[in-house]
Amino acid sequence: MTPDTGGDSRRHPTVSVIIPCKDGEATVGAQLRALLRQSAPVAFEILVCDNGSTDGTARVVDDYSVAANGVRLIDASDAVGINHARNVGLSEARGELMLFCDADDVVQPGWLAGHWRAYRGGADVLAGRCIRVGPGGQRFGETGWNDTLNFLPWATGANFGISRAVLEKCGLMDETYRGGGDETEYCWRAQLAGFELAFVPDARIDYRQRDDARSAFRQGLGYGRSHVRLYVAYNPSGMRRPSVAKGVLSTGRAVARTALALMTRSDTLPQRMKELGIKVGRIRESVKSRRLFI
């Protein structure tokens, strides 16, 4: 189904797909093509929220805006951060269901229809399935929702959705979370407000993994810092801290695995660097906040 612009009141978009994007010239076209090929029983719009791109992102999206109804480029450059871009999209969205995906991933056939069926079945917070894909197209397995922080589960930000009821009750996303924790905080806030998180196995995306060790380490740093921030915010609601002994042991294992990957020039080095970055980020933020979480 071709998405609808909403200019005809009889075909007002029921689903809004929100794509936060910065410097996505090389990848956003593939995502838009995959979305435009979706077959779904509802009209939908696609909002690309540009968070200050300096490349040709706007030109690529404008080309699709002319070729297909319902694709819009939204200026979200007035503040930095993925949640700011998402919030601008939420403020512009006209659908009763808002779905989020990223500019450097690719949704699979049936993605939108899968989320729509779950929503029609009563789900208000939706977590899709992520297929981890390497730079050469190799696949590293798949994930559903995440549940590794001794608290509530959460959706991966590259494949989740919320109903308008959630937006009206919980408000916009917390823009102070940058580089990690952005979707986690919102999923937790929604669940504590009484909404259930639903796993949608039919809503699949190809989730691109970082292949550069340095960028993977920086990504891990952001995740680790956010874990401490989440602990400070949600410990009163029941989030537990891992034991210090386990934290020290897992940090030692991360160092050892990273060193081995470096010495053997293993293809797993980016993933090992990401794991190490998480540990380092937790330590740094623990010192800064004076709340131990390793």
C-alpha atoms as a PDB file:
ATOM      1  CA  MET A   1       0.000   0.000   0.000  1.00  0.00           C
ATOM      2  CA  THR A   2       1.253   3.484  -0.822  1.00  0.00           C
ATOM      3  CA  PRO A   3       1.150   5.709   2.243  1.00  0.00           C
ATOM      4  CA  ASP A   4      -1.394   8.497   2.285  1.00  0.00           C
ATOM      5  CA  THR A   5      -0.747  12.211   2.727  1.00  0.00           C
ATOM      6  CA  GLY A   6      -3.913  12.755   4.686  1.00  0.00           C
ATOM      7  CA  GLY A   7      -4.973  15.503   2.287  1.00  0.00           C
ATOM      8  CA  ASP A   8      -8.136  13.519   1.661  1.00  0.00           C
ATOM      9  CA  SER A   9      -9.998  13.436   4.988  1.00  0.00           C
ATOM     10  CA  ARG A  10     -11.446  10.041   4.061  1.00  0.00           C
ATOM     11  CA  ARG A  11      -7.936   8.577   4.145  1.00  0.00           C
ATOM     12  CA  HIS A  12      -6.401  10.192   7.193  1.00  0.00           C
ATOM     13  CA  PRO A  13      -3.229   8.264   8.128  1.00  0.00           C
ATOM     14  CA  THR A  14      -3.881   5.780  10.910  1.00  0.00           C
ATOM     15  CA  VAL A  15      -0.204   4.943  11.481  1.00  0.00           C
ATOM     16  CA  SER A  16       2.704   7.382  11.665  1.00  0.00           C
ATOM     17  CA  VAL A  17       6.198   5.965  11.054  1.00  0.00           C
ATOM     18  CA  ILE A  18       8.802   8.216  12.696  1.00  0.00           C
ATOM     19  CA  ILE A  19      12.452   8.031  11.608  1.00  0.00           C
ATOM     20  CA  PRO A  20      14.984  10.108  13.585  1.00  0.00           C
ATOM     21  CA  CYS A  21      17.825  10.847  11.222  1.00  0.00           C
ATOM     22  CA  LYS A  22      21.178  12.613  11.149  1.00  0.00           C
ATOM     23  CA  ASP A  23      23.529  12.356   8.155  1.00  0.00           C
ATOM     24  CA  GLY A  24      21.597   9.443   6.702  1.00  0.00           C
ATOM     25  CA  GLU A  25      22.202  10.156   3.014  1.00  0.00           C
ATOM     26  CA  ALA A  26      23.837   6.767   2.407  1.00  0.00           C
ATOM     27  CA  THR A  27      21.192   4.654   4.143  1.00  0.00           C
ATOM     28  CA  VAL A  28      17.822   6.360   4.494  1.00  0.00           C
ATOM     29  CA  GLY A  29      16.818   5.620   0.898  1.00  0.00           C
ATOM     30  CA  ALA A  30      16.903   1.864   1.503  1.00  0.00           C
ATOM     31  CA  GLN A  31      14.716   2.271   4.577  1.00  0.00           C
ATOM     32  CA  LEU A  32      12.213   4.434   2.726  1.00  0.00           C
ATOM     33  CA  ARG A  33      12.007   1.955  -0.151  1.00  0.00           C
ATOM     34  CA  ALA A  34      11.341  -0.877   2.293  1.00  0.00           C
ATOM     35  CA  LEU A  35       8.621   1.131   4.011  1.00  0.00           C
ATOM     36  CA  LEU A  36       6.965   2.104   0.733  1.00  0.00           C
ATOM     37  CA  ARG A  37       6.780  -1.590  -0.197  1.00  0.00           C
ATOM     38  CA  GLN A  38       4.867  -2.458   2.980  1.00  0.00           C
ATOM     39  CA  SER A  39       1.478  -4.035   2.472  1.00  0.00           C
ATOM     40  CA  ALA A  40      -0.817  -2.922   5.273  1.00  0.00           C
ATOM     41  CA  PRO A  41      -4.575  -2.593   5.783  1.00  0.00           C
ATOM     42  CA  VAL A  42      -4.292   1.037   6.937  1.00  0.00           C
ATOM     43  CA  ALA A  43      -3.148   4.352   5.528  1.00  0.00           C
ATOM     44  CA  PHE A  44       0.214   5.478   6.927  1.00  0.00           C
ATOM     45  CA  GLU A  45       2.607   8.390   6.760  1.00  0.00           C
ATOM     46  CA  ILE A  46       6.409   8.444   7.031  1.00  0.00           C
ATOM     47  CA  LEU A  47       8.071  11.305   8.913  1.00  0.00           C
ATOM     48  CA  VAL A  48      11.851  11.646   8.548  1.00  0.00           C
ATOM     49  CA  CYS A  49      12.929  13.913  11.403  1.00  0.00           C
ATOM     50  CA  ASP A  50      16.242  15.507  10.431  1.00  0.00           C
ATOM     51  CA  ASN A  51      18.343  16.213  13.517  1.00  0.00           C
ATOM     52  CA  GLY A  52      20.845  18.554  11.874  1.00  0.00           C
ATOM     53  CA  SER A  53      22.246  16.615   8.911  1.00  0.00           C
ATOM     54  CA  THR A  54      25.136  18.184   7.012  1.00  0.00           C
ATOM     55  CA  ASP A  55      25.089  15.724   4.094  1.00  0.00           C
ATOM     56  CA  GLY A  56      22.515  15.120   1.365  1.00  0.00           C
ATOM     57  CA  THR A  57      19.839  13.610   3.601  1.00  0.00           C
ATOM     58  CA  ALA A  58      17.291  16.309   2.762  1.00  0.00           C
ATOM     59  CA  ARG A  59      17.769  15.819  -0.975  1.00  0.00           C
ATOM     60  CA  VAL A  60      17.265  12.048  -0.716  1.00  0.00           C
ATOM     61  CA  VAL A  61      14.107  12.392   1.378  1.00  0.00           C
ATOM     62  CA  ASP A  62      12.758  15.178  -0.842  1.00  0.00           C
ATOM     63  CA  ASP A  63      13.099  12.853  -3.827  1.00  0.00           C
ATOM     64  CA  TYR A  64      10.872  10.307  -2.085  1.00  0.00           C
ATOM     65  CA  SER A  65       8.481  13.030  -0.928  1.00  0.00           C
ATOM     66  CA  VAL A  66       7.843  13.956  -4.545  1.00  0.00           C
ATOM     67  CA  ALA A  67       7.568  10.354  -5.722  1.00  0.00           C
ATOM     68  CA  ALA A  68       5.324   9.014  -2.946  1.00  0.00           C
ATOM     69  CA  ASN A  69       2.458  10.403  -0.931  1.00  0.00           C
ATOM     70  CA  GLY A  70       2.906  10.495   2.802  1.00  0.00           C
ATOM     71  CA  VAL A  71       6.695  10.913   3.020  1.00  0.00           C
ATOM     72  CA  ARG A  72       7.610  14.126   4.837  1.00  0.00           C
ATOM     73  CA  LEU A  73      10.921  15.668   5.859  1.00  0.00           C
ATOM     74  CA  ILE A  74      10.582  17.308   9.283  1.00  0.00           C
ATOM     75  CA  ASP A  75      13.117  19.816  10.588  1.00  0.00           C
ATOM     76  CA  ALA A  76      14.302  18.654  14.030  1.00  0.00           C
ATOM     77  CA  SER A  77      17.613  20.531  14.030  1.00  0.00           C
ATOM     78  CA  ASP A  78      16.884  23.004  16.833  1.00  0.00           C
ATOM     79  CA  ALA A  79      18.238  20.660  19.534  1.00  0.00           C
ATOM     80  CA  VAL A  80      20.609  17.686  19.568  1.00  0.00           C
ATOM     81  CA  GLY A  81      19.487  14.149  20.365  1.00  0.00           C
ATOM     82  CA  ILE A  82      17.526  11.199  19.063  1.00  0.00           C
ATOM     83  CA  ASN A  83      14.686  11.757  21.512  1.00  0.00           C
ATOM     84  CA  HIS A  84      14.367  15.359  20.385  1.00  0.00           C
ATOM     85  CA  ALA A  85      13.981  14.144  16.810  1.00  0.00           C
ATOM     86  CA  ARG A  86      11.416  11.573  17.944  1.00  0.00           C
ATOM     87  CA  ASN A  87       9.521  14.209  19.923  1.00  0.00           C
ATOM     88  CA  VAL A  88       9.326  16.520  16.923  1.00  0.00           C
ATOM     89  CA  GLY A  89       7.938  13.570  14.975  1.00  0.00           C
ATOM     90  CA  LEU A  90       5.411  12.804  17.691  1.00  0.00           C
ATOM     91  CA  SER A  91       4.267  16.425  17.658  1.00  0.00           C
ATOM     92  CA  GLU A  92       3.713  16.217  13.882  1.00  0.00           C
ATOM     93  CA  ALA A  93       2.247  12.711  13.787  1.00  0.00           C
ATOM     94  CA  ARG A  94      -1.394  12.305  12.810  1.00  0.00           C
ATOM     95  CA  GLY A  95      -1.771   8.565  13.395  1.00  0.00           C
ATOM     96  CA  GLU A  96      -3.342   6.728  16.294  1.00  0.00           C
ATOM     97  CA  LEU A  97      -0.327   4.392  16.319  1.00  0.00           C
ATOM     98  CA  MET A  98       3.243   5.742  16.161  1.00  0.00           C
ATOM     99  CA  LEU A  99       6.031   3.401  15.035  1.00  0.00           C
ATOM    100  CA  PHE A 100       9.756   4.127  15.307  1.00  0.00           C
ATOM    101  CA  CYS A 101      12.582   2.834  13.149  1.00  0.00           C
ATOM    102  CA  ASP A 102      16.060   4.111  12.257  1.00  0.00           C
ATOM    103  CA  ALA A 103      17.473   5.546   9.060  1.00  0.00           C
ATOM    104  CA  ASP A 104      20.308   3.001   8.821  1.00  0.00           C
ATOM    105  CA  ASP A 105      18.194  -0.154   9.199  1.00  0.00           C
ATOM    106  CA  VAL A 106      15.720  -1.864   6.861  1.00  0.00           C
ATOM    107  CA  VAL A 107      12.247  -3.079   7.810  1.00  0.00           C
ATOM    108  CA  GLN A 108      11.266  -6.478   6.469  1.00  0.00           C
ATOM    109  CA  PRO A 109       8.006  -7.281   4.614  1.00  0.00           C
ATOM    110  CA  GLY A 110       5.098  -7.457   7.030  1.00  0.00           C
ATOM    111  CA  TRP A 111       6.697  -5.098   9.557  1.00  0.00           C
ATOM    112  CA  LEU A 112       3.931  -2.528   9.583  1.00  0.00           C
ATOM    113  CA  ALA A 113       1.126  -5.092   9.335  1.00  0.00           C
ATOM    114  CA  GLY A 114       2.593  -7.035  12.273  1.00  0.00           C
ATOM    115  CA  HIS A 115       2.658  -3.985  14.506  1.00  0.00           C
ATOM    116  CA  TRP A 116      -0.861  -3.022  13.399  1.00  0.00           C
ATOM    117  CA  ARG A 117      -2.272  -6.455  14.270  1.00  0.00           C
ATOM    118  CA  ALA A 118      -0.703  -6.294  17.726  1.00  0.00           C
ATOM    119  CA  TYR A 119      -2.117  -2.831  18.305  1.00  0.00           C
ATOM    120  CA  ARG A 120      -5.577  -3.902  17.161  1.00  0.00           C
ATOM    121  CA  GLY A 121      -5.255  -6.817  19.556  1.00  0.00           C
ATOM    122  CA  GLY A 122      -4.919  -4.408  22.469  1.00  0.00           C
ATOM    123  CA  ALA A 123      -1.182  -3.682  22.716  1.00  0.00           C
ATOM    124  CA  ASP A 124      -0.143  -0.110  23.514  1.00  0.00           C
ATOM    125  CA  VAL A 125       3.670  -0.423  23.689  1.00  0.00           C
ATOM    126  CA  LEU A 126       5.181  -2.609  20.984  1.00  0.00           C
ATOM    127  CA  ALA A 127       8.596  -4.246  20.672  1.00  0.00           C
ATOM    128  CA  GLY A 128       9.517  -5.716  17.291  1.00  0.00           C
ATOM    129  CA  ARG A 129      12.135  -8.309  16.383  1.00  0.00           C
ATOM    130  CA  CYS A 130      15.654  -7.151  15.449  1.00  0.00           C
ATOM    131  CA  ILE A 131      17.849  -9.266  13.150  1.00  0.00           C
ATOM    132  CA  ARG A 132      21.477  -8.250  13.778  1.00  0.00           C
ATOM    133  CA  VAL A 133      23.260  -7.737  10.448  1.00  0.00           C
ATOM    134  CA  GLY A 134      26.968  -7.120   9.924  1.00  0.00           C
ATOM    135  CA  PRO A 135      28.547  -4.847   7.284  1.00  0.00           C
ATOM    136  CA  GLY A 136      28.947  -7.729   4.849  1.00  0.00           C
ATOM    137  CA  GLY A 137      25.355  -8.872   5.252  1.00  0.00           C
ATOM    138  CA  GLN A 138      26.196 -11.674   7.693  1.00  0.00           C
ATOM    139  CA  ARG A 139      23.587 -12.277  10.391  1.00  0.00           C
ATOM    140  CA  PHE A 140      24.420 -12.535  14.084  1.00  0.00           C
ATOM    141  CA  GLY A 141      21.110 -13.782  15.457  1.00  0.00           C
ATOM    142  CA  GLU A 142      18.086 -11.859  16.593  1.00  0.00           C
ATOM    143  CA  THR A 143      16.611 -10.159  19.621  1.00  0.00           C
ATOM    144  CA  GLY A 144      13.129  -9.335  20.852  1.00  0.00           C
ATOM    145  CA  TRP A 145      12.746  -7.023  23.767  1.00  0.00           C
ATOM    146  CA  ASN A 146      15.567  -6.393  26.228  1.00  0.00           C
ATOM    147  CA  ASP A 147      15.530  -7.484  29.857  1.00  0.00           C
ATOM    148  CA  THR A 148      19.044  -7.207  31.298  1.00  0.00           C
ATOM    149  CA  LEU A 149      18.897  -4.404  33.880  1.00  0.00           C
ATOM    150  CA  ASN A 150      17.150  -6.077  36.827  1.00  0.00           C
ATOM    151  CA  PHE A 151      13.924  -4.219  36.197  1.00  0.00           C
ATOM    152  CA  LEU A 152      11.278  -4.027  33.475  1.00  0.00           C
ATOM    153  CA  PRO A 153      11.828  -5.072  29.847  1.00  0.00           C
ATOM    154  CA  TRP A 154      12.135  -2.514  27.066  1.00  0.00           C
ATOM    155  CA  ALA A 155      11.976  -2.333  23.275  1.00  0.00           C
ATOM    156  CA  THR A 156      14.935  -1.601  21.026  1.00  0.00           C
ATOM    157  CA  GLY A 157      14.543   1.975  19.822  1.00  0.00           C
ATOM    158  CA  ALA A 158      15.029   0.934  16.201  1.00  0.00           C
ATOM    159  CA  ASN A 159      11.823  -1.128  16.266  1.00  0.00           C
ATOM    160  CA  PHE A 160       9.099  -0.102  18.645  1.00  0.00           C
ATOM    161  CA  GLY A 161       5.770   1.679  18.790  1.00  0.00           C
ATOM    162  CA  ILE A 162       3.302   3.414  21.067  1.00  0.00           C
ATOM    163  CA  SER A 163      -0.391   4.161  20.867  1.00  0.00           C
ATOM    164  CA  ARG A 164      -1.763   7.670  21.126  1.00  0.00           C
ATOM    165  CA  ALA A 165      -3.191   6.693  24.499  1.00  0.00           C
ATOM    166  CA  VAL A 166       0.381   6.176  25.765  1.00  0.00           C
ATOM    167  CA  LEU A 167       1.489   9.524  24.358  1.00  0.00           C
ATOM    168  CA  GLU A 168      -1.433  11.343  25.956  1.00  0.00           C
ATOM    169  CA  LYS A 169      -0.808   9.797  29.375  1.00  0.00           C
ATOM    170  CA  CYS A 170       3.006   9.656  29.454  1.00  0.00           C
ATOM    171  CA  GLY A 171       3.890  12.693  27.363  1.00  0.00           C
ATOM    172  CA  LEU A 172       6.982  13.074  25.203  1.00  0.00           C
ATOM    173  CA  MET A 173      10.310  11.290  25.546  1.00  0.00           C
ATOM    174  CA  ASP A 174      13.015  12.486  27.919  1.00  0.00           C
ATOM    175  CA  GLU A 175      15.472  14.490  25.812  1.00  0.00           C
ATOM    176  CA  THR A 176      18.173  14.432  28.491  1.00  0.00           C
ATOM    177  CA  TYR A 177      18.911  10.790  27.554  1.00  0.00           C
ATOM    178  CA  ARG A 178      21.432  10.892  24.716  1.00  0.00           C
ATOM    179  CA  GLY A 179      23.531   8.028  23.478  1.00  0.00           C
ATOM    180  CA  GLY A 180      21.644   5.417  25.463  1.00  0.00           C
ATOM    181  CA  GLY A 181      18.636   4.814  27.684  1.00  0.00           C
ATOM    182  CA  ASP A 182      16.378   6.945  25.496  1.00  0.00           C
ATOM    183  CA  GLU A 183      13.838   4.275  24.598  1.00  0.00           C
ATOM    184  CA  THR A 184      14.420   2.334  27.827  1.00  0.00           C
ATOM    185  CA  GLU A 185      13.288   5.207  30.022  1.00  0.00           C
ATOM    186  CA  TYR A 186      10.127   5.724  27.985  1.00  0.00           C
ATOM    187  CA  CYS A 187       9.201   2.028  27.919  1.00  0.00           C
ATOM    188  CA  TRP A 188       9.630   1.858  31.684  1.00  0.00           C
ATOM    189  CA  ARG A 189       7.640   5.025  32.263  1.00  0.00           C
ATOM    190  CA  ALA A 190       4.804   3.675  30.137  1.00  0.00           C
ATOM    191  CA  GLN A 191       4.749   0.329  31.939  1.00  0.00           C
ATOM    192  CA  LEU A 192       4.720   2.006  35.333  1.00  0.00           C
ATOM    193  CA  ALA A 193       1.760   4.041  34.075  1.00  0.00           C
ATOM    194  CA  GLY A 194      -0.143   0.804  33.477  1.00  0.00           C
ATOM    195  CA  PHE A 195       0.588  -0.030  29.824  1.00  0.00           C
ATOM    196  CA  GLU A 196       1.862  -3.489  28.904  1.00  0.00           C
ATOM    197  CA  LEU A 197       4.857  -4.039  26.635  1.00  0.00           C
ATOM    198  CA  ALA A 198       4.022  -6.551  23.882  1.00  0.00           C
ATOM    199  CA  PHE A 199       6.541  -8.472  21.780  1.00  0.00           C
ATOM    200  CA  VAL A 200       5.632  -8.482  18.068  1.00  0.00           C
ATOM    201  CA  PRO A 201       7.647 -11.290  16.416  1.00  0.00           C
ATOM    202  CA  ASP A 202       6.218 -10.613  12.948  1.00  0.00           C
ATOM    203  CA  ALA A 203       7.520  -7.021  12.936  1.00  0.00           C
ATOM    204  CA  ARG A 204      11.107  -7.710  11.864  1.00  0.00           C
ATOM    205  CA  ILE A 205      13.908  -5.375  10.855  1.00  0.00           C
ATOM    206  CA  ASP A 206      17.470  -5.838   9.657  1.00  0.00           C
ATOM    207  CA  TYR A 207      19.344  -4.093  12.465  1.00  0.00           C
ATOM    208  CA  ARG A 208      22.733  -2.881  11.290  1.00  0.00           C
ATOM    209  CA  GLN A 209      25.662  -3.506  13.631  1.00  0.00           C
ATOM    210  CA  ARG A 210      28.570  -1.092  13.899  1.00  0.00           C
ATOM    211  CA  ASP A 211      31.672  -2.482  12.251  1.00  0.00           C
ATOM    212  CA  ASP A 212      34.171   0.078  13.540  1.00  0.00           C
ATOM    213  CA  ALA A 213      35.702  -0.786  16.916  1.00  0.00           C
ATOM    214  CA  ARG A 214      36.062   2.832  18.013  1.00  0.00           C
ATOM    215  CA  SER A 215      32.489   3.788  17.245  1.00  0.00           C
ATOM    216  CA  ALA A 216      31.287   0.570  18.907  1.00  0.00           C
ATOM    217  CA  PHE A 217      33.265   1.511  22.031  1.00  0.00           C
ATOM    218  CA  ARG A 218      31.742   5.012  22.035  1.00  0.00           C
ATOM    219  CA  GLN A 219      28.284   3.492  21.665  1.00  0.00           C
ATOM    220  CA  GLY A 220      29.000   1.237  24.633  1.00  0.00           C
ATOM    221  CA  LEU A 221      30.142   4.214  26.719  1.00  0.00           C
ATOM    222  CA  GLY A 222      26.797   5.904  26.148  1.00  0.00           C
ATOM    223  CA  TYR A 223      24.881   2.763  27.058  1.00  0.00           C
ATOM    224  CA  GLY A 224      26.911   2.280  30.242  1.00  0.00           C
ATOM    225  CA  ARG A 225      26.391   5.862  31.387  1.00  0.00           C
ATOM    226  CA  SER A 226      22.661   5.545  30.768  1.00  0.00           C
ATOM    227  CA  HIS A 227      22.466   2.393  32.909  1.00  0.00           C
ATOM    228  CA  VAL A 228      23.643   4.349  35.930  1.00  0.00           C
ATOM    229  CA  ARG A 229      21.267   7.211  35.179  1.00  0.00           C
ATOM    230  CA  LEU A 230      18.392   4.757  34.878  1.00  0.00           C
ATOM    231  CA  TYR A 231      19.368   3.172  38.183  1.00  0.00           C
ATOM    232  CA  VAL A 232      19.364   6.550  39.934  1.00  0.00           C
ATOM    233  CA  ALA A 233      15.940   7.365  38.475  1.00  0.00           C
ATOM    234  CA  TYR A 234      14.255   3.975  38.867  1.00  0.00           C
ATOM    235  CA  ASN A 235      15.812   2.434  41.960  1.00  0.00           C
ATOM    236  CA  PRO A 236      12.953   3.922  44.025  1.00  0.00           C
ATOM    237  CA  SER A 237      10.543   2.045  41.737  1.00  0.00           C
ATOM    238  CA  GLY A 238      12.323  -1.286  42.183  1.00  0.00           C
ATOM    239  CA  MET A 239      15.321  -1.374  39.833  1.00  0.00           C
ATOM    240  CA  ARG A 240      18.012  -3.445  41.521  1.00  0.00           C
ATOM    241  CA  ARG A 241      21.771  -3.060  41.304  1.00  0.00           C
ATOM    242  CA  PRO A 242      23.919  -6.070  40.364  1.00  0.00           C
ATOM    243  CA  SER A 243      26.249  -7.178  43.129  1.00  0.00           C
ATOM    244  CA  VAL A 244      29.595  -5.416  43.203  1.00  0.00           C
ATOM    245  CA  ALA A 245      31.407  -8.761  43.052  1.00  0.00           C
ATOM    246  CA  LYS A 246      29.543  -9.794  39.898  1.00  0.00           C
ATOM    247  CA  GLY A 247      30.157  -6.378  38.398  1.00  0.00           C
ATOM    248  CA  VAL A 248      33.892  -6.615  39.011  1.00  0.00           C
ATOM    249  CA  LEU A 249      34.048 -10.145  37.558  1.00  0.00           C
ATOM    250  CA  SER A 250      32.074  -9.214  34.443  1.00  0.00           C
ATOM    251  CA  THR A 251      34.277  -6.161  33.918  1.00  0.00           C
ATOM    252  CA  GLY A 252      37.374  -8.354  34.122  1.00  0.00           C
ATOM    253  CA  ARG A 253      35.874 -10.766  31.585  1.00  0.00           C
ATOM    254  CA  ALA A 254      35.082  -7.882  29.229  1.00  0.00           C
ATOM    255  CA  VAL A 255      38.697  -6.689  29.411  1.00  0.00           C
ATOM    256  CA  ALA A 256      40.027 -10.192  28.758  1.00  0.00           C
ATOM    257  CA  ARG A 257      37.693 -10.866  25.818  1.00  0.00           C
ATOM    258  CA  THR A 258      38.555  -7.524  24.250  1.00  0.00           C
ATOM    259  CA  ALA A 259      42.292  -8.149  24.638  1.00  0.00           C
ATOM    260  CA  LEU A 260      41.940 -11.577  23.017  1.00  0.00           C
ATOM    261  CA  ALA A 261      39.934 -10.144  20.126  1.00  0.00           C
ATOM    262  CA  LEU A 262      42.620  -7.495  19.599  1.00  0.00           C
ATOM    263  CA  MET A 263      45.444 -10.021  19.609  1.00  0.00           C
ATOM    264  CA  THR A 264      43.696 -12.417  17.236  1.00  0.00           C
ATOM    265  CA  ARG A 265      42.188  -9.670  15.057  1.00  0.00           C
ATOM    266  CA  SER A 266      38.849 -11.346  15.520  1.00  0.00           C
ATOM    267  CA  ASP A 267      35.716 -10.260  13.657  1.00  0.00           C
ATOM    268  CA  THR A 268      34.097  -9.993  17.087  1.00  0.00           C
ATOM    269  CA  LEU A 269      36.264  -7.005  18.054  1.00  0.00           C
ATOM    270  CA  PRO A 270      33.537  -4.342  17.549  1.00  0.00           C
ATOM    271  CA  GLN A 271      31.142  -6.302  19.776  1.00  0.00           C
ATOM    272  CA  ARG A 272      33.839  -6.832  22.402  1.00  0.00           C
ATOM    273  CA  MET A 273      34.706  -3.134  22.316  1.00  0.00           C
ATOM    274  CA  LYS A 274      31.044  -2.280  22.781  1.00  0.00           C
ATOM    275  CA  GLU A 275      30.857  -4.575  25.832  1.00  0.00           C
ATOM    276  CA  LEU A 276      33.990  -2.984  27.270  1.00  0.00           C
ATOM    277  CA  GLY A 277      32.603   0.474  26.588  1.00  0.00           C
ATOM    278  CA  ILE A 278      29.487  -0.355  28.600  1.00  0.00           C
ATOM    279  CA  LYS A 279      31.636  -1.316  31.594  1.00  0.00           C
ATOM    280  CA  VAL A 280      33.801   1.796  31.314  1.00  0.00           C
ATOM    281  CA  GLY A 281      30.721   3.986  30.910  1.00  0.00           C
ATOM    282  CA  ARG A 282      29.168   2.518  34.036  1.00  0.00           C
ATOM    283  CA  ILE A 283      32.321   3.153  36.043  1.00  0.00           C
ATOM    284  CA  ARG A 284      32.630   6.744  34.833  1.00  0.00           C
ATOM    285  CA  GLU A 285      28.994   7.581  35.524  1.00  0.00           C
ATOM    286  CA  SER A 286      29.136   5.843  38.915  1.00  0.00           C
ATOM    287  CA  VAL A 287      31.994   8.143  39.915  1.00  0.00           C
ATOM    288  CA  LYS A 288      30.162  11.186  38.556  1.00  0.00           C
ATOM    289  CA  SER A 289      26.850  10.424  40.228  1.00  0.00           C
ATOM    290  CA  ARG A 290      28.304   8.817  43.367  1.00  0.00           C
ATOM    291  CA  ARG A 291      25.936   5.886  42.865  1.00  0.00           C
ATOM    292  CA  LEU A 292      27.706   2.592  42.287  1.00  0.00           C
ATOM    293  CA  PHE A 293      26.370   0.509  39.390  1.00  0.00           C
ATOM    294  CA  ILE A 294      28.897  -1.736  37.654  1.00  0.00           C
END
